[in-house]
Amino acid sequence: MKRPSETAFFKPKLSQSEKRVDATTLAARAIVEEEASSRDAKTARLRAARLAQAPDEPAPEKAAAGKKKKTPRKSRATGG
């Protein structure tokens, strides 16, 4: 009969630096998840507000700001 390894029953103990890294990782993941959930809630709220607007109101049109194309400058010849 095979003898089960110790890691099958017990988790390996983490060093002090590994514990700090794990704590930092957990904190960072919690922050990212919280930001994602608040962003999703804000998006849903804004979408609902946009859809709740009267449908007969046209969407605001962007003003066509015409940019002029710049013509390339002629290089100056330096005399010597």
PDB file of N, CA and C in Angstrom:
ATOM      1  N   MET A   1       0.838  -1.179   0.000  1.00  0.00           N
ATOM      2  CA  MET A   1       0.000   0.000   0.000  1.00  0.00           C
ATOM      3  C   MET A   1       0.886   1.246   0.000  1.00  0.00           C
ATOM      4  N   LYS A   2       0.518   2.206  -0.886  1.00  0.00           N
ATOM      5  CA  LYS A   2       1.302   3.434  -0.985  1.00  0.00           C
ATOM      6  C   LYS A   2       0.973   4.352   0.174  1.00  0.00           C
ATOM      7  N   ARG A   3       1.967   5.026   0.605  1.00  0.00           N
ATOM      8  CA  ARG A   3       1.799   5.972   1.695  1.00  0.00           C
ATOM      9  C   ARG A   3       1.504   7.355   1.092  1.00  0.00           C
ATOM     10  N   PRO A   4       0.394   8.011   1.478  1.00  0.00           N
ATOM     11  CA  PRO A   4       0.081   9.325   0.915  1.00  0.00           C
ATOM     12  C   PRO A   4       1.118  10.359   1.341  1.00  0.00           C
ATOM     13  N   SER A   5       1.376  11.280   0.469  1.00  0.00           N
ATOM     14  CA  SER A   5       2.348  12.320   0.794  1.00  0.00           C
ATOM     15  C   SER A   5       1.763  13.275   1.830  1.00  0.00           C
ATOM     16  N   GLU A   6       2.640  13.997   2.471  1.00  0.00           N
ATOM     17  CA  GLU A   6       2.197  14.925   3.510  1.00  0.00           C
ATOM     18  C   GLU A   6       1.381  16.069   2.922  1.00  0.00           C
ATOM     19  N   THR A   7       1.656  16.450   1.675  1.00  0.00           N
ATOM     20  CA  THR A   7       0.918  17.571   1.073  1.00  0.00           C
ATOM     21  C   THR A   7      -0.521  17.197   0.749  1.00  0.00           C
ATOM     22  N   ALA A   8      -0.832  15.898   0.767  1.00  0.00           N
ATOM     23  CA  ALA A   8      -2.202  15.491   0.513  1.00  0.00           C
ATOM     24  C   ALA A   8      -3.101  15.850   1.692  1.00  0.00           C
ATOM     25  N   PHE A   9      -2.531  15.913   2.883  1.00  0.00           N
ATOM     26  CA  PHE A   9      -3.323  16.200   4.086  1.00  0.00           C
ATOM     27  C   PHE A   9      -3.084  17.604   4.632  1.00  0.00           C
ATOM     28  N   PHE A  10      -1.881  18.072   4.480  1.00  0.00           N
ATOM     29  CA  PHE A  10      -1.517  19.359   5.066  1.00  0.00           C
ATOM     30  C   PHE A  10      -1.054  20.313   3.974  1.00  0.00           C
ATOM     31  N   LYS A  11      -1.454  21.556   4.098  1.00  0.00           N
ATOM     32  CA  LYS A  11      -0.979  22.568   3.164  1.00  0.00           C
ATOM     33  C   LYS A  11       0.451  22.934   3.552  1.00  0.00           C
ATOM     34  N   PRO A  12       1.295  23.150   2.569  1.00  0.00           N
ATOM     35  CA  PRO A  12       2.653  23.568   2.908  1.00  0.00           C
ATOM     36  C   PRO A  12       2.619  24.940   3.575  1.00  0.00           C
ATOM     37  N   LYS A  13       3.473  25.144   4.551  1.00  0.00           N
ATOM     38  CA  LYS A  13       3.499  26.418   5.266  1.00  0.00           C
ATOM     39  C   LYS A  13       4.188  27.461   4.409  1.00  0.00           C
ATOM     40  N   LEU A  14       3.607  28.647   4.382  1.00  0.00           N
ATOM     41  CA  LEU A  14       4.149  29.738   3.597  1.00  0.00           C
ATOM     42  C   LEU A  14       5.186  30.501   4.403  1.00  0.00           C
ATOM     43  N   SER A  15       6.186  30.998   3.714  1.00  0.00           N
ATOM     44  CA  SER A  15       7.174  31.828   4.384  1.00  0.00           C
ATOM     45  C   SER A  15       6.558  33.200   4.647  1.00  0.00           C
ATOM     46  N   GLN A  16       7.263  33.998   5.422  1.00  0.00           N
ATOM     47  CA  GLN A  16       6.756  35.321   5.774  1.00  0.00           C
ATOM     48  C   GLN A  16       6.578  36.191   4.526  1.00  0.00           C
ATOM     49  N   SER A  17       7.526  36.120   3.610  1.00  0.00           N
ATOM     50  CA  SER A  17       7.416  36.945   2.400  1.00  0.00           C
ATOM     51  C   SER A  17       6.265  36.461   1.520  1.00  0.00           C
ATOM     52  N   GLU A  18       6.034  35.160   1.460  1.00  0.00           N
ATOM     53  CA  GLU A  18       4.917  34.633   0.678  1.00  0.00           C
ATOM     54  C   GLU A  18       3.582  35.050   1.284  1.00  0.00           C
ATOM     55  N   LYS A  19       3.526  35.134   2.594  1.00  0.00           N
ATOM     56  CA  LYS A  19       2.298  35.584   3.252  1.00  0.00           C
ATOM     57  C   LYS A  19       2.000  37.034   2.897  1.00  0.00           C
ATOM     58  N   ARG A  20       3.052  37.875   2.864  1.00  0.00           N
ATOM     59  CA  ARG A  20       2.862  39.279   2.515  1.00  0.00           C
ATOM     60  C   ARG A  20       2.406  39.423   1.066  1.00  0.00           C
ATOM     61  N   VAL A  21       3.007  38.629   0.190  1.00  0.00           N
ATOM     62  CA  VAL A  21       2.629  38.681  -1.220  1.00  0.00           C
ATOM     63  C   VAL A  21       1.175  38.249  -1.384  1.00  0.00           C
ATOM     64  N   ASP A  22       0.771  37.201  -0.699  1.00  0.00           N
ATOM     65  CA  ASP A  22      -0.611  36.740  -0.781  1.00  0.00           C
ATOM     66  C   ASP A  22      -1.590  37.797  -0.262  1.00  0.00           C
ATOM     67  N   ALA A  23      -1.225  38.454   0.833  1.00  0.00           N
ATOM     68  CA  ALA A  23      -2.096  39.489   1.383  1.00  0.00           C
ATOM     69  C   ALA A  23      -2.234  40.657   0.409  1.00  0.00           C
ATOM     70  N   THR A  24      -1.120  41.039  -0.207  1.00  0.00           N
ATOM     71  CA  THR A  24      -1.149  42.127  -1.177  1.00  0.00           C
ATOM     72  C   THR A  24      -1.987  41.754  -2.389  1.00  0.00           C
ATOM     73  N   THR A  25      -1.826  40.534  -2.858  1.00  0.00           N
ATOM     74  CA  THR A  25      -2.584  40.065  -4.016  1.00  0.00           C
ATOM     75  C   THR A  25      -4.075  40.050  -3.715  1.00  0.00           C
ATOM     76  N   LEU A  26      -4.444  39.562  -2.549  1.00  0.00           N
ATOM     77  CA  LEU A  26      -5.858  39.527  -2.177  1.00  0.00           C
ATOM     78  C   LEU A  26      -6.440  40.934  -2.090  1.00  0.00           C
ATOM     79  N   ALA A  27      -5.667  41.866  -1.513  1.00  0.00           N
ATOM     80  CA  ALA A  27      -6.143  43.241  -1.393  1.00  0.00           C
ATOM     81  C   ALA A  27      -6.302  43.876  -2.768  1.00  0.00           C
ATOM     82  N   ALA A  28      -5.340  43.649  -3.649  1.00  0.00           N
ATOM     83  CA  ALA A  28      -5.411  44.225  -4.993  1.00  0.00           C
ATOM     84  C   ALA A  28      -6.601  43.662  -5.760  1.00  0.00           C
ATOM     85  N   ARG A  29      -6.820  42.369  -5.656  1.00  0.00           N
ATOM     86  CA  ARG A  29      -7.952  41.753  -6.355  1.00  0.00           C
ATOM     87  C   ARG A  29      -9.278  42.275  -5.822  1.00  0.00           C
ATOM     88  N   ALA A  30      -9.352  42.497  -4.518  1.00  0.00           N
ATOM     89  CA  ALA A  30     -10.581  43.029  -3.933  1.00  0.00           C
ATOM     90  C   ALA A  30     -10.856  44.437  -4.459  1.00  0.00           C
ATOM     91  N   ILE A  31      -9.809  45.246  -4.560  1.00  0.00           N
ATOM     92  CA  ILE A  31      -9.971  46.606  -5.061  1.00  0.00           C
ATOM     93  C   ILE A  31     -10.418  46.589  -6.520  1.00  0.00           C
ATOM     94  N   VAL A  32      -9.789  45.751  -7.331  1.00  0.00           N
ATOM     95  CA  VAL A  32     -10.137  45.679  -8.746  1.00  0.00           C
ATOM     96  C   VAL A  32     -11.570  45.195  -8.928  1.00  0.00           C
ATOM     97  N   GLU A  33     -11.978  44.200  -8.159  1.00  0.00           N
ATOM     98  CA  GLU A  33     -13.352  43.694  -8.256  1.00  0.00           C
ATOM     99  C   GLU A  33     -14.363  44.750  -7.831  1.00  0.00           C
ATOM    100  N   GLU A  34     -14.031  45.520  -6.791  1.00  0.00           N
ATOM    101  CA  GLU A  34     -14.928  46.573  -6.326  1.00  0.00           C
ATOM    102  C   GLU A  34     -15.075  47.656  -7.384  1.00  0.00           C
ATOM    103  N   GLU A  35     -13.963  48.048  -8.013  1.00  0.00           N
ATOM    104  CA  GLU A  35     -14.021  49.053  -9.067  1.00  0.00           C
ATOM    105  C   GLU A  35     -14.824  48.555 -10.270  1.00  0.00           C
ATOM    106  N   ALA A  36     -14.650  47.289 -10.613  1.00  0.00           N
ATOM    107  CA  ALA A  36     -15.388  46.725 -11.748  1.00  0.00           C
ATOM    108  C   ALA A  36     -16.882  46.695 -11.465  1.00  0.00           C
ATOM    109  N   SER A  37     -17.255  46.322 -10.251  1.00  0.00           N
ATOM    110  CA  SER A  37     -18.682  46.263  -9.931  1.00  0.00           C
ATOM    111  C   SER A  37     -19.292  47.662  -9.899  1.00  0.00           C
ATOM    112  N   SER A  38     -18.551  48.656  -9.386  1.00  0.00           N
ATOM    113  CA  SER A  38     -19.086  50.021  -9.377  1.00  0.00           C
ATOM    114  C   SER A  38     -19.173  50.570 -10.795  1.00  0.00           C
ATOM    115  N   ARG A  39     -18.212  50.217 -11.655  1.00  0.00           N
ATOM    116  CA  ARG A  39     -18.253  50.655 -13.046  1.00  0.00           C
ATOM    117  C   ARG A  39     -19.451  50.035 -13.773  1.00  0.00           C
ATOM    118  N   ASP A  40     -19.702  48.751 -13.521  1.00  0.00           N
ATOM    119  CA  ASP A  40     -20.845  48.087 -14.140  1.00  0.00           C
ATOM    120  C   ASP A  40     -22.166  48.699 -13.670  1.00  0.00           C
ATOM    121  N   ALA A  41     -22.246  49.032 -12.380  1.00  0.00           N
ATOM    122  CA  ALA A  41     -23.455  49.647 -11.846  1.00  0.00           C
ATOM    123  C   ALA A  41     -23.677  51.026 -12.469  1.00  0.00           C
ATOM    124  N   LYS A  42     -22.598  51.783 -12.622  1.00  0.00           N
ATOM    125  CA  LYS A  42     -22.710  53.111 -13.216  1.00  0.00           C
ATOM    126  C   LYS A  42     -23.144  53.007 -14.678  1.00  0.00           C
ATOM    127  N   THR A  43     -22.578  52.041 -15.392  1.00  0.00           N
ATOM    128  CA  THR A  43     -22.937  51.842 -16.794  1.00  0.00           C
ATOM    129  C   THR A  43     -24.414  51.482 -16.922  1.00  0.00           C
ATOM    130  N   ALA A  44     -24.891  50.600 -16.060  1.00  0.00           N
ATOM    131  CA  ALA A  44     -26.301  50.198 -16.098  1.00  0.00           C
ATOM    132  C   ALA A  44     -27.207  51.388 -15.769  1.00  0.00           C
ATOM    133  N   ARG A  45     -26.791  52.196 -14.798  1.00  0.00           N
ATOM    134  CA  ARG A  45     -27.586  53.369 -14.416  1.00  0.00           C
ATOM    135  C   ARG A  45     -27.654  54.376 -15.568  1.00  0.00           C
ATOM    136  N   LEU A  46     -26.515  54.634 -16.212  1.00  0.00           N
ATOM    137  CA  LEU A  46     -26.497  55.581 -17.326  1.00  0.00           C
ATOM    138  C   LEU A  46     -27.270  55.052 -18.527  1.00  0.00           C
ATOM    139  N   ARG A  47     -27.183  53.759 -18.773  1.00  0.00           N
ATOM    140  CA  ARG A  47     -27.922  53.165 -19.895  1.00  0.00           C
ATOM    141  C   ARG A  47     -29.435  53.302 -19.649  1.00  0.00           C
ATOM    142  N   ALA A  48     -29.855  53.033 -18.405  1.00  0.00           N
ATOM    143  CA  ALA A  48     -31.277  53.152 -18.085  1.00  0.00           C
ATOM    144  C   ALA A  48     -31.752  54.593 -18.233  1.00  0.00           C
ATOM    145  N   ALA A  49     -30.908  55.541 -17.825  1.00  0.00           N
ATOM    146  CA  ALA A  49     -31.286  56.948 -17.952  1.00  0.00           C
ATOM    147  C   ALA A  49     -31.373  57.353 -19.414  1.00  0.00           C
ATOM    148  N   ARG A  50     -30.459  56.852 -20.235  1.00  0.00           N
ATOM    149  CA  ARG A  50     -30.482  57.179 -21.660  1.00  0.00           C
ATOM    150  C   ARG A  50     -31.726  56.597 -22.335  1.00  0.00           C
ATOM    151  N   LEU A  51     -32.075  55.369 -21.980  1.00  0.00           N
ATOM    152  CA  LEU A  51     -33.246  54.730 -22.575  1.00  0.00           C
ATOM    153  C   LEU A  51     -34.545  55.332 -22.070  1.00  0.00           C
ATOM    154  N   ALA A  52     -34.496  55.941 -20.875  1.00  0.00           N
ATOM    155  CA  ALA A  52     -35.696  56.537 -20.308  1.00  0.00           C
ATOM    156  C   ALA A  52     -36.004  57.900 -20.916  1.00  0.00           C
ATOM    157  N   GLN A  53     -35.056  58.467 -21.673  1.00  0.00           N
ATOM    158  CA  GLN A  53     -35.315  59.755 -22.311  1.00  0.00           C
ATOM    159  C   GLN A  53     -36.428  59.588 -23.323  1.00  0.00           C
ATOM    160  N   ALA A  54     -37.105  60.680 -23.583  1.00  0.00           N
ATOM    161  CA  ALA A  54     -38.204  60.643 -24.543  1.00  0.00           C
ATOM    162  C   ALA A  54     -37.656  60.242 -25.909  1.00  0.00           C
ATOM    163  N   PRO A  55     -38.283  59.288 -26.568  1.00  0.00           N
ATOM    164  CA  PRO A  55     -37.756  58.837 -27.860  1.00  0.00           C
ATOM    165  C   PRO A  55     -37.899  59.862 -28.974  1.00  0.00           C
ATOM    166  N   ASP A  56     -38.777  60.873 -28.802  1.00  0.00           N
ATOM    167  CA  ASP A  56     -38.952  61.861 -29.860  1.00  0.00           C
ATOM    168  C   ASP A  56     -37.840  62.915 -29.848  1.00  0.00           C
ATOM    169  N   GLU A  57     -37.039  62.937 -28.783  1.00  0.00           N
ATOM    170  CA  GLU A  57     -35.925  63.875 -28.736  1.00  0.00           C
ATOM    171  C   GLU A  57     -34.766  63.309 -29.551  1.00  0.00           C
ATOM    172  N   PRO A  58     -34.302  64.054 -30.530  1.00  0.00           N
ATOM    173  CA  PRO A  58     -33.174  63.540 -31.313  1.00  0.00           C
ATOM    174  C   PRO A  58     -31.887  63.599 -30.499  1.00  0.00           C
ATOM    175  N   ALA A  59     -31.006  62.719 -30.813  1.00  0.00           N
ATOM    176  CA  ALA A  59     -29.719  62.709 -30.129  1.00  0.00           C
ATOM    177  C   ALA A  59     -28.945  63.949 -30.549  1.00  0.00           C
ATOM    178  N   PRO A  60     -28.197  64.546 -29.631  1.00  0.00           N
ATOM    179  CA  PRO A  60     -27.433  65.742 -30.004  1.00  0.00           C
ATOM    180  C   PRO A  60     -26.374  65.382 -31.035  1.00  0.00           C
ATOM    181  N   GLU A  61     -26.333  66.221 -32.086  1.00  0.00           N
ATOM    182  CA  GLU A  61     -25.374  65.960 -33.146  1.00  0.00           C
ATOM    183  C   GLU A  61     -24.062  66.675 -32.836  1.00  0.00           C
ATOM    184  N   LYS A  62     -22.991  66.044 -33.213  1.00  0.00           N
ATOM    185  CA  LYS A  62     -21.687  66.652 -32.994  1.00  0.00           C
ATOM    186  C   LYS A  62     -21.465  67.713 -34.064  1.00  0.00           C
ATOM    187  N   ALA A  63     -20.908  68.813 -33.656  1.00  0.00           N
ATOM    188  CA  ALA A  63     -20.609  69.881 -34.607  1.00  0.00           C
ATOM    189  C   ALA A  63     -19.428  69.435 -35.460  1.00  0.00           C
ATOM    190  N   ALA A  64     -19.566  69.636 -36.739  1.00  0.00           N
ATOM    191  CA  ALA A  64     -18.516  69.228 -37.651  1.00  0.00           C
ATOM    192  C   ALA A  64     -17.426  70.286 -37.641  1.00  0.00           C
ATOM    193  N   ALA A  65     -16.396  70.019 -36.904  1.00  0.00           N
ATOM    194  CA  ALA A  65     -15.262  70.935 -36.838  1.00  0.00           C
ATOM    195  C   ALA A  65     -14.294  70.521 -37.927  1.00  0.00           C
ATOM    196  N   GLY A  66     -14.314  71.256 -39.015  1.00  0.00           N
ATOM    197  CA  GLY A  66     -13.487  70.893 -40.160  1.00  0.00           C
ATOM    198  C   GLY A  66     -12.043  71.314 -39.930  1.00  0.00           C
ATOM    199  N   LYS A  67     -11.183  70.337 -39.923  1.00  0.00           N
ATOM    200  CA  LYS A  67      -9.772  70.651 -39.806  1.00  0.00           C
ATOM    201  C   LYS A  67      -9.207  70.799 -41.209  1.00  0.00           C
ATOM    202  N   LYS A  68      -8.404  71.799 -41.373  1.00  0.00           N
ATOM    203  CA  LYS A  68      -7.773  71.990 -42.661  1.00  0.00           C
ATOM    204  C   LYS A  68      -6.519  71.146 -42.716  1.00  0.00           C
ATOM    205  N   LYS A  69      -6.323  70.552 -43.867  1.00  0.00           N
ATOM    206  CA  LYS A  69      -5.108  69.777 -44.038  1.00  0.00           C
ATOM    207  C   LYS A  69      -3.954  70.732 -44.246  1.00  0.00           C
ATOM    208  N   LYS A  70      -2.888  70.448 -43.555  1.00  0.00           N
ATOM    209  CA  LYS A  70      -1.715  71.292 -43.692  1.00  0.00           C
ATOM    210  C   LYS A  70      -0.934  70.858 -44.916  1.00  0.00           C
ATOM    211  N   THR A  71      -0.497  71.839 -45.647  1.00  0.00           N
ATOM    212  CA  THR A  71       0.344  71.520 -46.798  1.00  0.00           C
ATOM    213  C   THR A  71       1.781  71.450 -46.319  1.00  0.00           C
ATOM    214  N   PRO A  72       2.541  70.520 -46.840  1.00  0.00           N
ATOM    215  CA  PRO A  72       3.923  70.404 -46.373  1.00  0.00           C
ATOM    216  C   PRO A  72       4.730  71.632 -46.775  1.00  0.00           C
ATOM    217  N   ARG A  73       5.579  72.049 -45.874  1.00  0.00           N
ATOM    218  CA  ARG A  73       6.411  73.225 -46.142  1.00  0.00           C
ATOM    219  C   ARG A  73       7.586  72.822 -47.017  1.00  0.00           C
ATOM    220  N   LYS A  74       7.977  73.778 -47.809  1.00  0.00           N
ATOM    221  CA  LYS A  74       9.157  73.543 -48.637  1.00  0.00           C
ATOM    222  C   LYS A  74      10.384  73.748 -47.767  1.00  0.00           C
ATOM    223  N   SER A  75      11.327  72.862 -47.908  1.00  0.00           N
ATOM    224  CA  SER A  75      12.533  72.990 -47.101  1.00  0.00           C
ATOM    225  C   SER A  75      13.375  74.145 -47.609  1.00  0.00           C
ATOM    226  N   ARG A  76      13.999  74.804 -46.686  1.00  0.00           N
ATOM    227  CA  ARG A  76      14.870  75.927 -47.055  1.00  0.00           C
ATOM    228  C   ARG A  76      16.262  75.408 -47.330  1.00  0.00           C
ATOM    229  N   ALA A  77      16.809  75.839 -48.383  1.00  0.00           N
ATOM    230  CA  ALA A  77      18.171  75.440 -48.707  1.00  0.00           C
ATOM    231  C   ALA A  77      19.118  76.372 -47.969  1.00  0.00           C
ATOM    232  N   THR A  78      20.041  75.789 -47.286  1.00  0.00           N
ATOM    233  CA  THR A  78      20.989  76.614 -46.540  1.00  0.00           C
ATOM    234  C   THR A  78      22.180  76.887 -47.447  1.00  0.00           C
ATOM    235  N   GLY A  79      22.483  78.115 -47.605  1.00  0.00           N
ATOM    236  CA  GLY A  79      23.586  78.515 -48.460  1.00  0.00           C
ATOM    237  C   GLY A  79      24.900  78.528 -47.687  1.00  0.00           C
ATOM    238  N   GLY A  80      25.954  78.183 -48.339  1.00  0.00           N
ATOM    239  CA  GLY A  80      27.165  78.127 -47.565  1.00  0.00           C
ATOM    240  C   GLY A  80      28.353  78.676 -48.145  1.00  0.00           C
TER     241      GLY A  80
END
